[in-house]
């Protein structure tokens, strides 16, 4: 513990591999502090994509769990506005600003048993975000698939610090990003713990994405809940990103990326990006046969 506050700087954070890497570097810096006051200096951060509040929440939750006090300083007006509209700054004593354009899916921290509240949160906040046209049946299945991401995060991660969610609609860029993040043990350690398979973080994500692979025991279905989301995103020309420990995976129209990042993320984050310029109409295959 030191007399003066420690200071750690944060640069621009976007929904990219570099953006996630920026948060892992921050997590790595904060890991060294105990019983300290740490100022997070945003003065060189001119852009922060609001959905990345979910993995940032994970980083801060670990720091606070180590009995540190986190203070945010140097917030530029644009970044402060974004993080006030989505309620992230409410946890730092700043008032929420009204979201007059309805573009935010607010930042929330859920406990592992909050699946009903998470479902209500999705139903409330995915409305009016220019999602592509879906049949009622597909819309329900899509929301259930996102709910499954939450349930899996709650079960598999063993996170005592909760599950974090946040989203943002970017009308001018024609995209809606939604991120679910946990502060748990990550795919690599979970796979080794439950079934004894030892692999690198990137290979652990690849393993978890393969249909049928699960760390669950008995007849309970497993998997990440991404099958339907993956199929939809491929048709929609959107994007999915997963970061867990040092593993990073991305699927987009530009192809698939599987790599390792320099420093570990203290949990798992899944970001789903929907292309809202998509004018197609979607329905389940079973509906087409009827």
Protein backbone atom coordinates (compact mmCIF):
# COMPACT_ATOMS: atom_id res chain seq x y z
CA UNK A 1 0.00 0.00 0.00
CA UNK A 2 1.38 3.39 -0.97
CA UNK A 3 0.64 6.90 0.25
CA UNK A 4 -0.15 8.41 -3.14
CA UNK A 5 -2.61 6.85 -5.60
CA UNK A 6 -1.05 4.64 -8.25
CA UNK A 7 -1.89 5.65 -11.80
CA UNK A 8 -2.49 3.34 -14.76
CA UNK A 9 -3.21 4.69 -18.24
CA UNK A 10 -5.80 3.34 -20.70
CA UNK A 11 -5.82 4.13 -24.43
CA UNK A 12 -8.58 3.82 -27.05
CA UNK A 13 -10.67 0.66 -26.73
CA UNK A 14 -12.58 -0.71 -29.71
CA UNK A 15 -14.18 -4.10 -30.36
CA UNK A 16 -11.01 -5.45 -31.95
CA UNK A 17 -8.20 -7.81 -31.02
CA UNK A 18 -6.16 -4.70 -30.14
CA UNK A 19 -9.00 -3.43 -27.95
CA UNK A 20 -9.19 -6.66 -25.97
CA UNK A 21 -5.38 -6.69 -25.73
CA UNK A 22 -5.52 -3.17 -24.25
CA UNK A 23 -7.83 -4.45 -21.50
CA UNK A 24 -5.58 -7.45 -20.79
CA UNK A 25 -2.60 -5.11 -20.37
CA UNK A 26 -4.68 -3.05 -17.92
CA UNK A 27 -5.63 -6.23 -16.04
CA UNK A 28 -1.98 -7.26 -15.89
CA UNK A 29 -0.98 -3.88 -14.44
CA UNK A 30 -3.76 -3.96 -11.85
CA UNK A 31 -2.86 -7.50 -10.77
CA UNK A 32 0.13 -6.12 -8.87
CA UNK A 33 -1.90 -3.95 -6.49
CA UNK A 34 -3.37 -4.86 -3.09
CA UNK A 35 -5.05 -2.48 -0.61
CA UNK A 36 -4.25 0.43 -2.93
CA UNK A 37 -6.04 3.36 -4.49
CA UNK A 38 -5.48 3.13 -8.23
CA UNK A 39 -6.37 5.92 -10.64
CA UNK A 40 -7.25 4.78 -14.16
CA UNK A 41 -6.14 7.60 -16.39
CA UNK A 42 -8.39 7.99 -19.47
CA UNK A 43 -6.69 11.16 -20.74
CA UNK A 44 -5.30 9.39 -23.83
CA UNK A 45 -8.53 7.45 -24.40
CA UNK A 46 -10.50 9.39 -27.02
CA UNK A 47 -12.74 6.47 -28.04
CA UNK A 48 -14.27 3.70 -25.94
CA UNK A 49 -16.84 1.42 -27.55
CA UNK A 50 -19.57 1.06 -24.96
CA UNK A 51 -20.04 -2.73 -25.29
CA UNK A 52 -16.43 -3.13 -24.10
CA UNK A 53 -17.68 -1.96 -20.69
CA UNK A 54 -18.49 -5.63 -19.97
CA UNK A 55 -14.87 -6.89 -20.14
CA UNK A 56 -13.68 -3.66 -18.47
CA UNK A 57 -16.10 -4.47 -15.64
CA UNK A 58 -14.39 -7.87 -15.27
CA UNK A 59 -10.96 -6.21 -15.02
CA UNK A 60 -12.16 -3.74 -12.38
CA UNK A 61 -14.03 -6.45 -10.43
CA UNK A 62 -10.80 -8.41 -9.99
CA UNK A 63 -8.97 -5.28 -8.85
CA UNK A 64 -11.68 -4.42 -6.30
CA UNK A 65 -11.72 -8.05 -5.13
CA UNK A 66 -8.04 -7.51 -4.27
CA UNK A 67 -9.24 -4.75 -1.90
CA UNK A 68 -8.22 -1.86 -4.15
CA UNK A 69 -10.16 1.34 -4.69
CA UNK A 70 -10.52 2.22 -8.39
CA UNK A 71 -10.92 5.84 -9.44
CA UNK A 72 -11.41 7.05 -13.01
CA UNK A 73 -9.62 10.27 -13.94
CA UNK A 74 -9.01 12.27 -17.11
CA UNK A 75 -12.22 11.17 -18.85
CA UNK A 76 -12.64 13.02 -22.13
CA UNK A 77 -16.16 14.44 -22.65
CA UNK A 78 -17.16 12.02 -25.43
CA UNK A 79 -16.04 8.95 -23.50
CA UNK A 80 -17.66 10.21 -20.30
CA UNK A 81 -20.94 10.74 -22.15
CA UNK A 82 -20.95 7.21 -23.58
CA UNK A 83 -20.10 5.57 -20.25
CA UNK A 84 -22.68 7.71 -18.43
CA UNK A 85 -25.46 6.81 -20.89
CA UNK A 86 -24.89 3.07 -20.46
CA UNK A 87 -24.71 3.33 -16.62
CA UNK A 88 -21.10 2.12 -16.35
CA UNK A 89 -20.04 5.29 -14.53
CA UNK A 90 -22.91 4.95 -12.05
CA UNK A 91 -20.63 2.63 -10.10
CA UNK A 92 -18.14 5.50 -9.80
CA UNK A 93 -20.57 8.06 -8.43
CA UNK A 94 -21.43 9.77 -11.71
CA UNK A 95 -25.09 10.33 -12.64
CA UNK A 96 -26.62 8.43 -15.54
CA UNK A 97 -27.30 10.51 -18.63
CA UNK A 98 -30.45 10.00 -20.64
CA UNK A 99 -30.05 7.88 -23.76
CA UNK A 100 -32.29 10.00 -26.00
CA UNK A 101 -31.42 8.03 -29.17
CA UNK A 102 -32.04 4.61 -27.64
CA UNK A 103 -28.70 3.18 -28.80
CA UNK A 104 -27.44 1.67 -25.54
CA UNK A 105 -27.90 -1.75 -24.03
CA UNK A 106 -26.99 -0.73 -20.48
CA UNK A 107 -24.08 -2.15 -18.52
CA UNK A 108 -25.22 -4.71 -15.97
CA UNK A 109 -23.51 -7.02 -13.51
CA UNK A 110 -25.44 -10.22 -12.82
CA UNK A 111 -24.99 -12.99 -10.28
CA UNK A 112 -24.77 -16.59 -11.50
CA UNK A 113 -28.44 -17.21 -10.61
CA UNK A 114 -29.83 -14.11 -12.37
CA UNK A 115 -30.83 -15.90 -15.60
CA UNK A 116 -34.44 -14.67 -15.36
CA UNK A 117 -33.28 -11.07 -14.93
CA UNK A 118 -30.86 -11.51 -17.84
CA UNK A 119 -33.70 -12.81 -20.06
CA UNK A 120 -35.87 -9.79 -19.13
CA UNK A 121 -32.90 -7.49 -19.81
CA UNK A 122 -32.51 -8.97 -23.32
CA UNK A 123 -36.23 -8.69 -24.06
CA UNK A 124 -36.27 -5.07 -22.97
CA UNK A 125 -33.10 -3.78 -24.57
CA UNK A 126 -32.79 -5.64 -27.89
CA UNK A 127 -35.98 -3.93 -29.07
CA UNK A 128 -35.66 -0.95 -31.38
CA UNK A 129 -32.05 -1.63 -32.36
CA UNK A 130 -32.71 -2.28 -36.09
CA UNK A 131 -32.12 -6.01 -35.90
CA UNK A 132 -32.66 -7.84 -39.21
CA UNK A 133 -36.19 -9.16 -39.72
CA UNK A 134 -36.66 -12.52 -37.98
CA UNK A 135 -39.70 -14.71 -37.59
CA UNK A 136 -41.09 -14.81 -34.06
CA UNK A 137 -39.80 -18.36 -33.63
CA UNK A 138 -36.27 -17.46 -34.74
CA UNK A 139 -36.26 -14.29 -32.65
CA UNK A 140 -37.09 -16.37 -29.56
CA UNK A 141 -34.43 -18.97 -30.42
CA UNK A 142 -31.86 -16.23 -31.01
CA UNK A 143 -32.54 -14.63 -27.63
CA UNK A 144 -32.47 -18.08 -26.00
CA UNK A 145 -29.05 -18.71 -27.58
CA UNK A 146 -27.74 -15.48 -26.02
CA UNK A 147 -29.33 -16.52 -22.72
CA UNK A 148 -27.46 -19.83 -23.07
CA UNK A 149 -24.20 -17.87 -23.31
CA UNK A 150 -25.07 -16.31 -19.97
CA UNK A 151 -26.02 -19.63 -18.38
CA UNK A 152 -22.83 -21.27 -19.62
CA UNK A 153 -20.76 -18.35 -18.34
CA UNK A 154 -22.44 -18.70 -14.95
CA UNK A 155 -21.95 -22.50 -14.80
CA UNK A 156 -18.57 -23.05 -16.44
CA UNK A 157 -16.62 -20.00 -15.33
CA UNK A 158 -16.96 -20.63 -11.58
CA UNK A 159 -16.85 -16.83 -11.26
CA UNK A 160 -17.61 -15.57 -7.78
CA UNK A 161 -17.61 -12.03 -9.17
CA UNK A 162 -20.56 -12.45 -11.52
CA UNK A 163 -21.34 -12.11 -15.23
CA UNK A 164 -21.16 -8.74 -16.99
CA UNK A 165 -23.11 -7.59 -20.04
CA UNK A 166 -23.30 -4.46 -22.17
CA UNK A 167 -24.18 -3.51 -25.73
CA UNK A 168 -24.19 -0.60 -28.14
CA UNK A 169 -25.99 0.13 -31.40
CA UNK A 170 -23.83 2.12 -33.83
CA UNK A 171 -26.39 3.46 -36.38
CA UNK A 172 -23.86 5.16 -38.66
CA UNK A 173 -21.72 2.01 -38.80
CA UNK A 174 -24.80 -0.23 -39.18
CA UNK A 175 -23.83 -2.57 -36.38
CA UNK A 176 -25.08 -3.71 -33.01
CA UNK A 177 -22.48 -5.09 -30.59
CA UNK A 178 -23.39 -7.08 -27.49
CA UNK A 179 -20.83 -8.49 -25.08
CA UNK A 180 -21.15 -11.03 -22.25
CA UNK A 181 -18.09 -11.42 -20.01
CA UNK A 182 -17.29 -13.38 -16.86
CA UNK A 183 -14.53 -13.13 -14.29
CA UNK A 184 -13.97 -16.89 -14.11
CA UNK A 185 -11.25 -19.48 -14.74
CA UNK A 186 -11.40 -19.45 -18.55
CA UNK A 187 -11.72 -22.31 -21.06
CA UNK A 188 -8.17 -23.64 -20.74
CA UNK A 189 -8.25 -24.23 -16.99
CA UNK A 190 -11.87 -25.44 -17.00
CA UNK A 191 -11.18 -28.06 -19.67
CA UNK A 192 -8.08 -29.29 -17.83
CA UNK A 193 -9.86 -29.33 -14.47
CA UNK A 194 -12.92 -31.26 -15.66
CA UNK A 195 -11.57 -33.69 -18.27
CA UNK A 196 -7.80 -33.52 -17.97
CA UNK A 197 -7.08 -32.17 -21.45
CA UNK A 198 -4.07 -29.85 -21.43
CA UNK A 199 -3.88 -27.27 -24.21
CA UNK A 200 -3.01 -23.66 -24.96
CA UNK A 201 -5.65 -20.95 -24.52
CA UNK A 202 -6.32 -20.54 -28.25
CA UNK A 203 -6.73 -24.30 -28.76
CA UNK A 204 -9.06 -24.40 -25.74
CA UNK A 205 -11.41 -21.93 -27.47
CA UNK A 206 -11.22 -23.98 -30.68
CA UNK A 207 -12.06 -27.15 -28.71
CA UNK A 208 -15.00 -25.46 -26.97
CA UNK A 209 -16.42 -24.30 -30.32
CA UNK A 210 -16.59 -27.83 -31.74
CA UNK A 211 -20.09 -29.25 -31.55
CA UNK A 212 -20.42 -31.98 -28.97
CA UNK A 213 -17.43 -30.91 -26.87
CA UNK A 214 -18.41 -30.03 -23.33
CA UNK A 215 -17.05 -30.11 -19.79
CA UNK A 216 -20.51 -30.84 -18.38
CA UNK A 217 -21.14 -34.20 -16.75
CA UNK A 218 -24.07 -36.56 -17.33
CA UNK A 219 -26.88 -35.98 -19.80
CA UNK A 220 -27.00 -32.18 -19.43
CA UNK A 221 -26.42 -30.62 -22.88
CA UNK A 222 -23.21 -28.60 -23.22
CA UNK A 223 -21.52 -26.34 -25.73
CA UNK A 224 -21.28 -22.59 -25.77
CA UNK A 225 -24.75 -21.93 -27.18
CA UNK A 226 -23.16 -20.41 -30.28
CA UNK A 227 -24.38 -22.83 -32.97
CA UNK A 228 -27.47 -20.87 -34.03
CA UNK A 229 -25.73 -17.53 -33.43
CA UNK A 230 -22.79 -18.64 -35.60
CA UNK A 231 -25.10 -19.70 -38.44
CA UNK A 232 -27.02 -16.43 -38.28
CA UNK A 233 -23.87 -14.26 -38.09
CA UNK A 234 -22.40 -16.05 -41.14
CA UNK A 235 -25.51 -15.23 -43.19
CA UNK A 236 -25.80 -11.75 -41.70
CA UNK A 237 -22.10 -10.94 -42.41
CA UNK A 238 -21.62 -9.91 -38.79
CA UNK A 239 -18.86 -10.89 -36.39
CA UNK A 240 -18.20 -12.94 -33.24
CA UNK A 241 -15.18 -12.58 -30.96
CA UNK A 242 -14.10 -14.69 -27.99
CA UNK A 243 -11.23 -13.91 -25.63
CA UNK A 244 -10.36 -16.28 -22.79
CA UNK A 245 -7.09 -16.24 -20.89
CA UNK A 246 -4.53 -15.63 -23.68
CA UNK A 247 -6.72 -17.08 -26.43
CA UNK A 248 -8.44 -14.93 -29.07
CA UNK A 249 -10.88 -16.13 -31.73
CA UNK A 250 -12.77 -14.06 -34.29
CA UNK A 251 -15.20 -14.99 -37.06
CA UNK A 252 -16.20 -12.34 -39.61
CA UNK A 253 -16.70 -11.89 -43.38
CA UNK A 254 -12.91 -11.46 -43.56
CA UNK A 255 -12.39 -15.01 -42.31
CA UNK A 256 -11.54 -16.75 -39.07
CA UNK A 257 -8.75 -15.76 -36.68
CA UNK A 258 -7.38 -17.96 -33.89
CA UNK A 259 -4.36 -16.62 -32.05
CA UNK A 260 -2.84 -15.84 -28.67
CA UNK A 261 -2.55 -12.40 -27.15
CA UNK A 262 0.38 -11.17 -25.08
CA UNK A 263 -1.22 -11.03 -21.63
CA UNK A 264 -4.15 -13.01 -20.23
CA UNK A 265 -7.72 -11.77 -19.88
CA UNK A 266 -8.94 -12.67 -16.36
CA UNK A 267 -12.01 -14.56 -17.53
CA UNK A 268 -13.90 -15.01 -20.79
CA UNK A 269 -15.65 -12.46 -23.02
CA UNK A 270 -17.89 -13.15 -26.01
CA UNK A 271 -18.80 -10.23 -28.28
CA UNK A 272 -21.51 -10.62 -30.92
CA UNK A 273 -21.72 -8.03 -33.69
CA UNK A 274 -24.84 -7.92 -35.85
CA UNK A 275 -24.82 -6.23 -39.25
CA UNK A 276 -27.92 -3.99 -39.08
CA UNK A 277 -27.62 -3.00 -42.77
CA UNK A 278 -28.80 -6.55 -43.57
CA UNK A 279 -32.20 -6.32 -45.31
CA UNK A 280 -32.78 -10.09 -45.46
CA UNK A 281 -35.58 -11.82 -43.59
CA UNK A 282 -34.72 -14.85 -41.48
CA UNK A 283 -36.64 -17.83 -40.19
CA UNK A 284 -35.88 -21.28 -38.83
CA UNK A 285 -35.31 -24.13 -41.31
CA UNK A 286 -38.23 -26.00 -39.69
CA UNK A 287 -40.52 -23.08 -40.59
CA UNK A 288 -39.47 -23.30 -44.24
CA UNK A 289 -40.61 -26.93 -44.37
CA UNK A 290 -44.07 -26.09 -43.00
